[in-house]
Amino acid sequence: MATRTQSKQTAKHMEPKTTLQANTLAGKRHATLRDLRYDFKKIESDLQSGKTIEITRRGNPIAMLQPVNNRRPNKIVWPDFAARVKEIFGDRVQKVSTAEMLAGERERF
């Protein structure tokens, strides 16, 4: 039967070892593939804070993770087609609807 000390040592031995190292001069961090698996939250927080992370396998660099700076806007701004038609044609009543005009324009290309 295992004692408490032995079970604590076994549990400590089973914890993943991390090798996430900070290189504060260059603003870079180094991480291994193991770190990606077991400490991704830490790597993700570094990416969100703007740091570049070099991924290594057996000491050899295999990839660079860089934060994304150009985020897509949440709202897409569509042009005002009705205002464009009114600007071009004024108050004249058209024989063809706006939808049909747009479909015809798209067929040209």
Foldseek 3Di string as FASTA:
>chain_A
DDDPVVVVVVVVVPDDDWDWDDDVVVLEIEGEPVCCVPVVVVVVVSQVVFGKYFYDYPPHTDDIDGHDDDDDDPDDDDDDQVVVCCVVPPPDDDPDDPVVVVVVVVVVD
